N, C-alpha and C. Protein backbone atom coordinates (compact mmCIF):
# COMPACT_ATOMS: atom_id res chain seq x y z
N MET A 1 48.79 -24.53 19.68
CA MET A 1 48.46 -25.63 20.58
C MET A 1 47.70 -26.70 19.79
N LYS A 2 48.17 -27.92 19.86
CA LYS A 2 47.49 -28.99 19.13
C LYS A 2 46.17 -29.34 19.80
N GLU A 3 45.25 -29.86 19.02
CA GLU A 3 43.94 -30.22 19.54
C GLU A 3 44.08 -31.41 20.49
N MET A 4 43.47 -31.29 21.65
CA MET A 4 43.51 -32.37 22.63
C MET A 4 42.36 -33.34 22.38
N LYS A 5 42.58 -34.59 22.76
CA LYS A 5 41.56 -35.61 22.64
C LYS A 5 41.50 -36.39 23.95
N CYS A 6 40.32 -36.56 24.48
CA CYS A 6 40.14 -37.28 25.73
C CYS A 6 40.45 -38.76 25.55
N VAL A 7 41.23 -39.32 26.46
CA VAL A 7 41.60 -40.73 26.39
C VAL A 7 40.44 -41.65 26.78
N LYS A 8 39.45 -41.12 27.47
CA LYS A 8 38.34 -41.94 27.93
C LYS A 8 37.16 -41.96 26.94
N CYS A 9 36.80 -40.78 26.37
CA CYS A 9 35.60 -40.73 25.53
C CYS A 9 35.85 -40.17 24.13
N ASP A 10 37.11 -39.81 23.82
CA ASP A 10 37.48 -39.20 22.54
C ASP A 10 36.92 -37.79 22.35
N GLY A 11 36.41 -37.18 23.42
CA GLY A 11 35.91 -35.80 23.33
C GLY A 11 37.05 -34.82 23.04
N THR A 12 36.69 -33.66 22.50
CA THR A 12 37.70 -32.65 22.15
C THR A 12 37.43 -31.31 22.82
N ASP A 13 36.41 -31.21 23.66
CA ASP A 13 36.11 -29.96 24.36
C ASP A 13 36.64 -30.04 25.78
N PHE A 14 37.55 -29.12 26.12
CA PHE A 14 38.19 -29.11 27.43
C PHE A 14 38.01 -27.75 28.10
N ALA A 15 38.12 -27.74 29.40
CA ALA A 15 38.07 -26.51 30.19
C ALA A 15 39.11 -26.62 31.29
N GLU A 16 39.39 -25.47 31.92
CA GLU A 16 40.31 -25.45 33.06
C GLU A 16 39.55 -24.96 34.29
N GLY A 17 39.94 -25.49 35.44
CA GLY A 17 39.33 -25.08 36.69
C GLY A 17 40.28 -25.32 37.84
N THR A 18 39.92 -24.80 39.00
CA THR A 18 40.71 -24.98 40.21
C THR A 18 39.79 -25.28 41.37
N ASP A 19 40.32 -25.93 42.38
CA ASP A 19 39.52 -26.18 43.58
C ASP A 19 39.88 -25.19 44.68
N PHE A 20 40.80 -24.28 44.40
CA PHE A 20 41.26 -23.25 45.33
C PHE A 20 41.83 -23.81 46.64
N MET A 21 42.25 -25.05 46.60
CA MET A 21 42.98 -25.63 47.72
C MET A 21 44.46 -25.54 47.37
N ALA A 22 45.14 -24.63 48.00
CA ALA A 22 46.55 -24.41 47.66
C ALA A 22 47.41 -25.61 48.05
N ILE A 23 48.39 -25.86 47.24
CA ILE A 23 49.39 -26.87 47.54
C ILE A 23 50.60 -26.11 48.09
N ARG A 24 51.16 -26.59 49.21
CA ARG A 24 52.25 -25.88 49.89
C ARG A 24 53.48 -26.76 49.97
N PRO A 25 54.65 -26.13 50.01
CA PRO A 25 55.88 -26.90 50.23
C PRO A 25 55.81 -27.61 51.59
N VAL A 26 56.28 -28.83 51.65
CA VAL A 26 56.23 -29.63 52.88
C VAL A 26 56.99 -28.96 54.02
N ASP A 27 58.12 -28.34 53.69
CA ASP A 27 58.97 -27.77 54.74
C ASP A 27 58.62 -26.33 55.10
N LYS A 28 57.53 -25.78 54.55
CA LYS A 28 57.13 -24.40 54.85
C LYS A 28 55.66 -24.39 55.26
N LYS A 29 55.40 -24.63 56.54
CA LYS A 29 54.02 -24.76 57.03
C LYS A 29 53.18 -23.51 56.84
N PHE A 30 53.80 -22.33 56.86
CA PHE A 30 53.04 -21.10 56.78
C PHE A 30 53.08 -20.45 55.39
N SER A 31 53.51 -21.20 54.41
CA SER A 31 53.56 -20.71 53.03
C SER A 31 52.14 -20.57 52.48
N ILE A 32 51.93 -19.57 51.66
CA ILE A 32 50.63 -19.39 50.99
C ILE A 32 50.41 -20.49 49.97
N GLY A 33 51.48 -20.93 49.34
CA GLY A 33 51.39 -22.02 48.37
C GLY A 33 50.92 -21.53 47.01
N SER A 34 50.36 -22.43 46.23
CA SER A 34 49.91 -22.13 44.88
C SER A 34 48.71 -23.02 44.53
N ASN A 35 47.80 -22.49 43.73
CA ASN A 35 46.62 -23.25 43.31
C ASN A 35 46.99 -24.34 42.32
N LYS A 36 46.19 -25.38 42.31
CA LYS A 36 46.29 -26.44 41.30
C LYS A 36 45.31 -26.09 40.18
N ILE A 37 45.75 -26.21 38.93
CA ILE A 37 44.89 -25.96 37.78
C ILE A 37 44.64 -27.29 37.09
N TYR A 38 43.37 -27.64 36.92
CA TYR A 38 42.99 -28.89 36.27
C TYR A 38 42.50 -28.60 34.85
N THR A 39 42.92 -29.41 33.90
CA THR A 39 42.37 -29.39 32.54
C THR A 39 41.55 -30.67 32.41
N PHE A 40 40.26 -30.51 32.07
CA PHE A 40 39.39 -31.68 32.06
C PHE A 40 38.44 -31.66 30.86
N CYS A 41 37.99 -32.85 30.49
CA CYS A 41 37.06 -33.04 29.37
C CYS A 41 35.67 -32.57 29.78
N LEU A 42 35.06 -31.75 28.95
CA LEU A 42 33.70 -31.26 29.24
C LEU A 42 32.63 -32.31 28.96
N ASN A 43 32.99 -33.36 28.26
CA ASN A 43 32.03 -34.41 27.95
C ASN A 43 31.89 -35.41 29.09
N CYS A 44 33.02 -35.92 29.59
CA CYS A 44 32.95 -36.99 30.61
C CYS A 44 33.59 -36.61 31.94
N GLY A 45 34.35 -35.50 31.98
CA GLY A 45 34.96 -35.06 33.22
C GLY A 45 36.35 -35.63 33.49
N GLU A 46 36.87 -36.44 32.60
CA GLU A 46 38.21 -37.01 32.76
C GLU A 46 39.24 -35.89 32.86
N VAL A 47 40.10 -35.94 33.87
CA VAL A 47 41.14 -34.92 34.05
C VAL A 47 42.33 -35.28 33.16
N ARG A 48 42.66 -34.34 32.28
CA ARG A 48 43.79 -34.57 31.37
C ARG A 48 45.10 -34.18 32.02
N SER A 49 45.10 -33.09 32.78
CA SER A 49 46.34 -32.67 33.44
C SER A 49 46.04 -31.87 34.69
N THR A 50 47.02 -31.87 35.57
CA THR A 50 47.01 -31.04 36.77
C THR A 50 48.33 -30.31 36.79
N ARG A 51 48.29 -29.00 36.97
CA ARG A 51 49.53 -28.23 37.05
C ARG A 51 49.44 -27.22 38.18
N ILE A 52 50.59 -26.76 38.61
CA ILE A 52 50.68 -25.77 39.68
C ILE A 52 50.69 -24.38 39.04
N GLU A 53 49.84 -23.49 39.55
CA GLU A 53 49.70 -22.16 38.98
C GLU A 53 51.00 -21.35 39.08
N ASN A 54 51.70 -21.45 40.19
CA ASN A 54 52.92 -20.67 40.40
C ASN A 54 54.03 -21.58 40.94
N PRO A 55 54.72 -22.31 40.08
CA PRO A 55 55.74 -23.25 40.55
C PRO A 55 56.93 -22.56 41.22
N ALA A 56 57.12 -21.27 41.01
CA ALA A 56 58.22 -20.55 41.65
C ALA A 56 58.10 -20.58 43.17
N THR A 57 56.90 -20.81 43.67
CA THR A 57 56.66 -20.90 45.12
C THR A 57 57.51 -22.00 45.75
N PHE A 58 57.88 -23.02 44.97
CA PHE A 58 58.57 -24.18 45.49
C PHE A 58 60.09 -24.13 45.30
N ARG A 59 60.58 -23.07 44.68
CA ARG A 59 62.03 -22.94 44.51
C ARG A 59 62.65 -22.52 45.83
N LYS A 60 63.79 -23.08 46.12
CA LYS A 60 64.47 -22.76 47.39
C LYS A 60 65.45 -21.62 47.20
């Protein structure tokens, strides 16, 4: 994995976290969904990426 660099402050220390608010398919109201995982700069808090923990949840 190449070293990441923050676009806002040029920091190189990152962490991952989640808000535990699941994202659900629009057409499946009772789906458990999947967590969002954020990668963010530990220096300034800028979010570098957001990804879905289990994208298979959205396959039809």
